[in-house]
């Protein structure tokens, strides 16, 4: 790992762990399409989504990141986080869709991404 501490170095299974709003903004501005999962520690559904988004990050050509907004209230307000997991899809740095339906299968998540990026 490089000595540079930017978010791109903090990956698990192809999923980038974002620490705050500025890292999220930098992450979504790097690629054309990015998926960000808002989660909290102790959320069982969020934990069950980890392998799903890990597989997604490896299988389709989009950037995938996760962020725990608990310690960043402006992030909660900005994205109107009312429940987790919350998926926000970005296209060219702008949020284009959100999904807060609890557990979502990999196929359903892929279909949702494709529906909002074509």
N, C-alpha and C. Protein backbone atom coordinates (compact mmCIF):
# COMPACT_ATOMS: atom_id res chain seq x y z
N UNK A 1 0.85 -1.18 0.00
CA UNK A 1 0.00 0.00 0.00
C UNK A 1 0.89 1.23 0.00
N UNK A 2 0.51 2.22 -0.74
CA UNK A 2 1.31 3.43 -0.81
C UNK A 2 1.16 4.25 0.46
N UNK A 3 2.05 5.20 0.63
CA UNK A 3 1.96 6.05 1.81
C UNK A 3 0.86 7.09 1.65
N UNK A 4 0.35 7.26 0.44
CA UNK A 4 -0.75 8.18 0.20
C UNK A 4 -1.99 7.63 0.89
N UNK A 5 -2.69 8.44 1.65
CA UNK A 5 -3.82 7.94 2.43
C UNK A 5 -5.17 8.20 1.78
N UNK A 6 -5.20 8.38 0.46
CA UNK A 6 -6.50 8.65 -0.15
C UNK A 6 -7.37 7.41 -0.14
N UNK A 7 -8.68 7.62 -0.28
CA UNK A 7 -9.67 6.57 -0.13
C UNK A 7 -9.44 5.42 -1.10
N UNK A 8 -8.86 5.66 -2.26
CA UNK A 8 -8.67 4.61 -3.24
C UNK A 8 -7.80 3.49 -2.70
N UNK A 9 -6.96 3.76 -1.70
CA UNK A 9 -6.10 2.74 -1.13
C UNK A 9 -6.83 1.88 -0.10
N UNK A 10 -7.96 2.31 0.39
CA UNK A 10 -8.67 1.62 1.46
C UNK A 10 -9.76 0.73 0.87
N UNK A 11 -9.36 -0.38 0.24
CA UNK A 11 -10.32 -1.24 -0.43
C UNK A 11 -10.41 -2.60 0.24
N UNK A 12 -11.60 -3.18 0.16
CA UNK A 12 -11.85 -4.54 0.60
C UNK A 12 -12.69 -5.19 -0.49
N UNK A 13 -12.15 -6.24 -1.12
CA UNK A 13 -12.88 -6.93 -2.19
C UNK A 13 -13.33 -5.99 -3.30
N UNK A 14 -12.51 -4.98 -3.62
CA UNK A 14 -12.85 -4.04 -4.68
C UNK A 14 -13.77 -2.92 -4.26
N UNK A 15 -14.19 -2.92 -2.98
CA UNK A 15 -15.09 -1.88 -2.46
C UNK A 15 -14.25 -0.89 -1.67
N UNK A 16 -14.40 0.37 -1.97
CA UNK A 16 -13.61 1.42 -1.31
C UNK A 16 -14.35 1.89 -0.06
N UNK A 17 -13.65 1.88 1.07
CA UNK A 17 -14.21 2.39 2.33
C UNK A 17 -13.96 3.88 2.40
N UNK A 18 -15.03 4.66 2.41
CA UNK A 18 -14.95 6.12 2.46
C UNK A 18 -15.18 6.57 3.89
N UNK A 19 -14.38 7.50 4.36
CA UNK A 19 -14.43 7.91 5.75
C UNK A 19 -15.30 9.14 6.02
N UNK A 20 -15.50 9.99 5.01
CA UNK A 20 -16.22 11.24 5.26
C UNK A 20 -16.73 11.83 3.96
N UNK A 21 -17.37 12.98 4.07
CA UNK A 21 -17.99 13.62 2.91
C UNK A 21 -16.98 14.01 1.84
N UNK A 22 -15.82 14.50 2.24
CA UNK A 22 -14.83 14.91 1.24
C UNK A 22 -14.29 13.70 0.48
N UNK A 23 -14.10 12.57 1.15
CA UNK A 23 -13.66 11.36 0.45
C UNK A 23 -14.74 10.86 -0.50
N UNK A 24 -16.00 10.94 -0.07
CA UNK A 24 -17.10 10.54 -0.94
C UNK A 24 -17.13 11.40 -2.19
N UNK A 25 -17.01 12.72 -2.02
CA UNK A 25 -17.04 13.63 -3.17
C UNK A 25 -15.89 13.34 -4.14
N UNK A 26 -14.71 13.09 -3.60
CA UNK A 26 -13.55 12.77 -4.45
C UNK A 26 -13.77 11.45 -5.18
N UNK A 27 -14.32 10.47 -4.48
CA UNK A 27 -14.57 9.14 -5.04
C UNK A 27 -15.55 9.20 -6.21
N UNK A 28 -16.67 9.88 -6.03
CA UNK A 28 -17.69 9.89 -7.08
C UNK A 28 -17.28 10.77 -8.26
N UNK A 29 -16.32 11.66 -8.06
CA UNK A 29 -15.90 12.53 -9.16
C UNK A 29 -14.84 11.86 -10.04
N UNK A 30 -14.27 10.74 -9.60
CA UNK A 30 -13.19 10.07 -10.35
C UNK A 30 -13.68 9.29 -11.56
N UNK A 31 -14.84 8.65 -11.45
CA UNK A 31 -15.31 7.81 -12.55
C UNK A 31 -16.63 8.29 -13.08
N UNK A 32 -17.06 7.69 -14.16
CA UNK A 32 -18.34 8.13 -14.72
C UNK A 32 -19.51 7.62 -13.89
N UNK A 33 -19.47 6.35 -13.43
CA UNK A 33 -20.56 5.79 -12.65
C UNK A 33 -19.99 5.22 -11.35
N UNK A 34 -20.66 5.55 -10.24
CA UNK A 34 -20.23 5.04 -8.94
C UNK A 34 -21.45 4.70 -8.10
N UNK A 35 -21.33 3.63 -7.32
CA UNK A 35 -22.37 3.21 -6.39
C UNK A 35 -21.81 3.35 -4.98
N UNK A 36 -22.56 4.02 -4.11
CA UNK A 36 -22.14 4.19 -2.72
C UNK A 36 -23.23 3.62 -1.81
N UNK A 37 -22.80 2.75 -0.89
CA UNK A 37 -23.72 2.22 0.12
C UNK A 37 -23.50 2.98 1.42
N UNK A 38 -24.55 3.55 1.95
CA UNK A 38 -24.53 4.15 3.28
C UNK A 38 -24.94 3.05 4.25
N UNK A 39 -24.13 2.82 5.28
CA UNK A 39 -24.37 1.73 6.22
C UNK A 39 -24.07 2.20 7.64
N UNK A 40 -24.39 1.37 8.61
CA UNK A 40 -23.97 1.62 9.98
C UNK A 40 -23.42 0.33 10.57
N UNK A 41 -22.53 0.48 11.54
CA UNK A 41 -22.02 -0.69 12.26
C UNK A 41 -23.18 -1.36 12.97
N UNK A 42 -23.18 -2.68 12.99
CA UNK A 42 -24.24 -3.40 13.69
C UNK A 42 -25.51 -3.62 12.88
N UNK A 43 -25.55 -3.11 11.67
CA UNK A 43 -26.71 -3.31 10.79
C UNK A 43 -26.57 -4.68 10.12
N UNK A 44 -27.43 -5.62 10.49
CA UNK A 44 -27.36 -6.97 9.95
C UNK A 44 -27.56 -7.03 8.45
N UNK A 45 -28.52 -6.26 7.96
CA UNK A 45 -28.76 -6.25 6.51
C UNK A 45 -27.56 -5.67 5.79
N UNK A 46 -26.95 -4.62 6.36
CA UNK A 46 -25.76 -4.03 5.75
C UNK A 46 -24.64 -5.06 5.65
N UNK A 47 -24.46 -5.84 6.73
CA UNK A 47 -23.43 -6.87 6.73
C UNK A 47 -23.72 -7.92 5.68
N UNK A 48 -25.00 -8.27 5.49
CA UNK A 48 -25.34 -9.29 4.49
C UNK A 48 -25.16 -8.75 3.07
N UNK A 49 -25.11 -7.43 2.90
CA UNK A 49 -24.89 -6.84 1.58
C UNK A 49 -23.41 -6.81 1.20
N UNK A 50 -22.49 -6.98 2.17
CA UNK A 50 -21.06 -6.90 1.88
C UNK A 50 -20.62 -7.82 0.74
N UNK A 51 -20.95 -9.12 0.78
CA UNK A 51 -20.52 -9.97 -0.34
C UNK A 51 -21.20 -9.61 -1.66
N UNK A 52 -22.44 -9.12 -1.59
CA UNK A 52 -23.17 -8.74 -2.80
C UNK A 52 -22.46 -7.57 -3.49
N UNK A 53 -22.13 -6.53 -2.72
CA UNK A 53 -21.48 -5.37 -3.37
C UNK A 53 -20.03 -5.69 -3.72
N UNK A 54 -19.40 -6.60 -2.97
CA UNK A 54 -18.05 -7.04 -3.33
C UNK A 54 -18.04 -7.74 -4.68
N UNK A 55 -19.00 -8.64 -4.89
CA UNK A 55 -19.13 -9.31 -6.18
C UNK A 55 -19.44 -8.31 -7.28
N UNK A 56 -20.32 -7.38 -6.99
CA UNK A 56 -20.69 -6.35 -7.96
C UNK A 56 -19.47 -5.54 -8.38
N UNK A 57 -18.65 -5.17 -7.42
CA UNK A 57 -17.45 -4.36 -7.71
C UNK A 57 -16.50 -5.11 -8.64
N UNK A 58 -16.46 -6.44 -8.53
CA UNK A 58 -15.58 -7.23 -9.38
C UNK A 58 -16.19 -7.54 -10.75
N UNK A 59 -17.53 -7.58 -10.82
CA UNK A 59 -18.19 -8.07 -12.03
C UNK A 59 -18.57 -6.98 -13.03
N UNK A 60 -18.89 -5.78 -12.57
CA UNK A 60 -19.26 -4.74 -13.52
C UNK A 60 -18.31 -3.56 -13.37
N UNK A 61 -18.21 -2.78 -14.41
CA UNK A 61 -17.22 -1.72 -14.45
C UNK A 61 -17.73 -0.40 -13.88
N UNK A 62 -17.98 -0.40 -12.58
CA UNK A 62 -18.30 0.84 -11.89
C UNK A 62 -17.50 0.85 -10.59
N UNK A 63 -17.34 2.02 -10.05
CA UNK A 63 -16.68 2.16 -8.75
C UNK A 63 -17.72 1.90 -7.67
N UNK A 64 -17.33 1.15 -6.63
CA UNK A 64 -18.25 0.84 -5.54
C UNK A 64 -17.58 1.25 -4.23
N UNK A 65 -18.32 2.02 -3.44
CA UNK A 65 -17.79 2.47 -2.15
C UNK A 65 -18.83 2.34 -1.06
N UNK A 66 -18.36 2.37 0.18
CA UNK A 66 -19.26 2.36 1.33
C UNK A 66 -18.87 3.50 2.26
N UNK A 67 -19.86 4.04 2.95
CA UNK A 67 -19.60 5.11 3.92
C UNK A 67 -20.55 4.95 5.09
N UNK A 68 -20.00 5.12 6.30
CA UNK A 68 -20.81 5.12 7.51
C UNK A 68 -21.05 6.57 7.87
N UNK A 69 -22.27 7.07 7.66
CA UNK A 69 -22.53 8.50 7.87
C UNK A 69 -22.75 8.88 9.33
N UNK A 70 -22.67 7.92 10.23
CA UNK A 70 -22.98 8.17 11.64
C UNK A 70 -22.20 9.34 12.23
N UNK A 71 -20.92 9.43 11.89
CA UNK A 71 -20.08 10.48 12.47
C UNK A 71 -20.02 11.74 11.61
N UNK A 72 -20.88 11.83 10.61
CA UNK A 72 -20.84 12.97 9.69
C UNK A 72 -22.26 13.47 9.43
N UNK A 73 -22.87 14.16 10.43
CA UNK A 73 -24.27 14.60 10.28
C UNK A 73 -24.58 15.38 8.99
N UNK A 74 -23.67 16.23 8.49
CA UNK A 74 -24.00 16.89 7.22
C UNK A 74 -24.22 15.89 6.07
N UNK A 75 -23.53 14.77 6.12
CA UNK A 75 -23.69 13.74 5.10
C UNK A 75 -25.08 13.12 5.20
N UNK A 76 -25.55 12.89 6.43
CA UNK A 76 -26.89 12.35 6.65
C UNK A 76 -27.93 13.31 6.08
N UNK A 77 -27.76 14.59 6.35
CA UNK A 77 -28.71 15.59 5.84
C UNK A 77 -28.64 15.72 4.33
N UNK A 78 -27.44 15.78 3.80
CA UNK A 78 -27.26 15.98 2.35
C UNK A 78 -27.92 14.88 1.54
N UNK A 79 -27.81 13.63 2.01
CA UNK A 79 -28.38 12.51 1.25
C UNK A 79 -29.67 11.99 1.87
N UNK A 80 -30.21 12.71 2.85
CA UNK A 80 -31.48 12.36 3.48
C UNK A 80 -31.50 10.89 3.89
N UNK A 81 -30.47 10.47 4.63
CA UNK A 81 -30.35 9.09 5.07
C UNK A 81 -31.32 8.85 6.21
N UNK A 82 -32.34 8.05 5.93
CA UNK A 82 -33.36 7.75 6.94
C UNK A 82 -33.29 6.30 7.39
N UNK A 83 -32.73 5.45 6.54
CA UNK A 83 -32.56 4.04 6.89
C UNK A 83 -31.34 3.51 6.14
N UNK A 84 -30.80 2.42 6.64
CA UNK A 84 -29.67 1.77 5.98
C UNK A 84 -30.01 0.30 5.78
N UNK A 85 -29.45 -0.34 4.78
CA UNK A 85 -28.55 0.27 3.80
C UNK A 85 -29.29 1.17 2.82
N UNK A 86 -28.62 2.23 2.45
CA UNK A 86 -29.10 3.13 1.41
C UNK A 86 -28.07 3.13 0.30
N UNK A 87 -28.50 2.83 -0.92
CA UNK A 87 -27.61 2.88 -2.07
C UNK A 87 -27.89 4.14 -2.86
N UNK A 88 -26.84 4.87 -3.18
CA UNK A 88 -26.97 6.06 -4.03
C UNK A 88 -26.08 5.83 -5.24
N UNK A 89 -26.68 5.99 -6.40
CA UNK A 89 -25.97 5.82 -7.66
C UNK A 89 -25.60 7.18 -8.22
N UNK A 90 -24.34 7.33 -8.58
CA UNK A 90 -23.82 8.59 -9.12
C UNK A 90 -23.43 8.40 -10.57
N UNK A 91 -23.72 9.39 -11.39
CA UNK A 91 -23.29 9.41 -12.78
C UNK A 91 -22.63 10.76 -13.01
N UNK A 92 -21.39 10.75 -13.41
CA UNK A 92 -20.60 11.98 -13.58
C UNK A 92 -20.62 12.85 -12.32
N UNK A 93 -20.52 12.21 -11.16
CA UNK A 93 -20.42 12.92 -9.89
C UNK A 93 -21.73 13.38 -9.29
N UNK A 94 -22.83 13.18 -10.01
CA UNK A 94 -24.14 13.63 -9.53
C UNK A 94 -25.01 12.44 -9.15
N UNK A 95 -25.73 12.52 -8.02
CA UNK A 95 -26.63 11.42 -7.66
C UNK A 95 -27.80 11.34 -8.65
N UNK A 96 -28.03 10.14 -9.18
CA UNK A 96 -29.09 9.96 -10.17
C UNK A 96 -30.19 9.02 -9.69
N UNK A 97 -29.92 8.23 -8.64
CA UNK A 97 -30.94 7.31 -8.13
C UNK A 97 -30.57 6.88 -6.72
N UNK A 98 -31.60 6.50 -5.95
CA UNK A 98 -31.37 5.99 -4.60
C UNK A 98 -32.27 4.78 -4.38
N UNK A 99 -31.78 3.86 -3.57
CA UNK A 99 -32.51 2.62 -3.30
C UNK A 99 -32.35 2.30 -1.82
N UNK A 100 -33.46 2.19 -1.12
CA UNK A 100 -33.45 1.88 0.31
C UNK A 100 -34.47 0.79 0.58
N UNK A 101 -34.26 -0.38 -0.01
CA UNK A 101 -35.21 -1.49 0.09
C UNK A 101 -34.69 -2.64 0.93
N UNK A 102 -33.75 -2.39 1.85
CA UNK A 102 -33.21 -3.49 2.64
C UNK A 102 -32.27 -4.34 1.80
N UNK A 103 -32.34 -5.66 1.99
CA UNK A 103 -31.46 -6.55 1.24
C UNK A 103 -31.88 -6.56 -0.23
N UNK A 104 -30.90 -6.45 -1.12
CA UNK A 104 -31.14 -6.47 -2.56
C UNK A 104 -30.18 -7.49 -3.16
N UNK A 105 -30.69 -8.39 -3.98
CA UNK A 105 -29.82 -9.40 -4.59
C UNK A 105 -28.88 -8.74 -5.60
N UNK A 106 -27.80 -9.42 -5.91
CA UNK A 106 -26.84 -8.90 -6.87
C UNK A 106 -27.47 -8.64 -8.23
N UNK A 107 -28.32 -9.56 -8.69
CA UNK A 107 -28.99 -9.38 -9.99
C UNK A 107 -29.91 -8.17 -9.97
N UNK A 108 -30.66 -8.00 -8.89
CA UNK A 108 -31.57 -6.86 -8.80
C UNK A 108 -30.79 -5.55 -8.72
N UNK A 109 -29.68 -5.56 -7.99
CA UNK A 109 -28.86 -4.35 -7.88
C UNK A 109 -28.24 -3.99 -9.23
N UNK A 110 -27.76 -5.00 -9.95
CA UNK A 110 -27.20 -4.78 -11.29
C UNK A 110 -28.26 -4.22 -12.23
N UNK A 111 -29.47 -4.81 -12.21
CA UNK A 111 -30.57 -4.32 -13.06
C UNK A 111 -30.90 -2.86 -12.73
N UNK A 112 -30.93 -2.53 -11.42
CA UNK A 112 -31.24 -1.17 -10.98
C UNK A 112 -30.18 -0.18 -11.49
N UNK A 113 -28.92 -0.58 -11.40
CA UNK A 113 -27.82 0.27 -11.89
C UNK A 113 -27.94 0.49 -13.39
N UNK A 114 -28.15 -0.59 -14.12
CA UNK A 114 -28.27 -0.48 -15.58
C UNK A 114 -29.47 0.37 -15.98
N UNK A 115 -30.56 0.23 -15.27
CA UNK A 115 -31.78 1.02 -15.56
C UNK A 115 -31.53 2.52 -15.42
N UNK A 116 -30.68 2.90 -14.49
CA UNK A 116 -30.47 4.33 -14.22
C UNK A 116 -29.22 4.91 -14.86
N UNK A 117 -28.49 4.12 -15.63
CA UNK A 117 -27.26 4.64 -16.26
C UNK A 117 -27.27 4.49 -17.77
N UNK A 118 -28.40 4.16 -18.35
CA UNK A 118 -28.45 4.03 -19.81
C UNK A 118 -29.06 5.25 -20.45
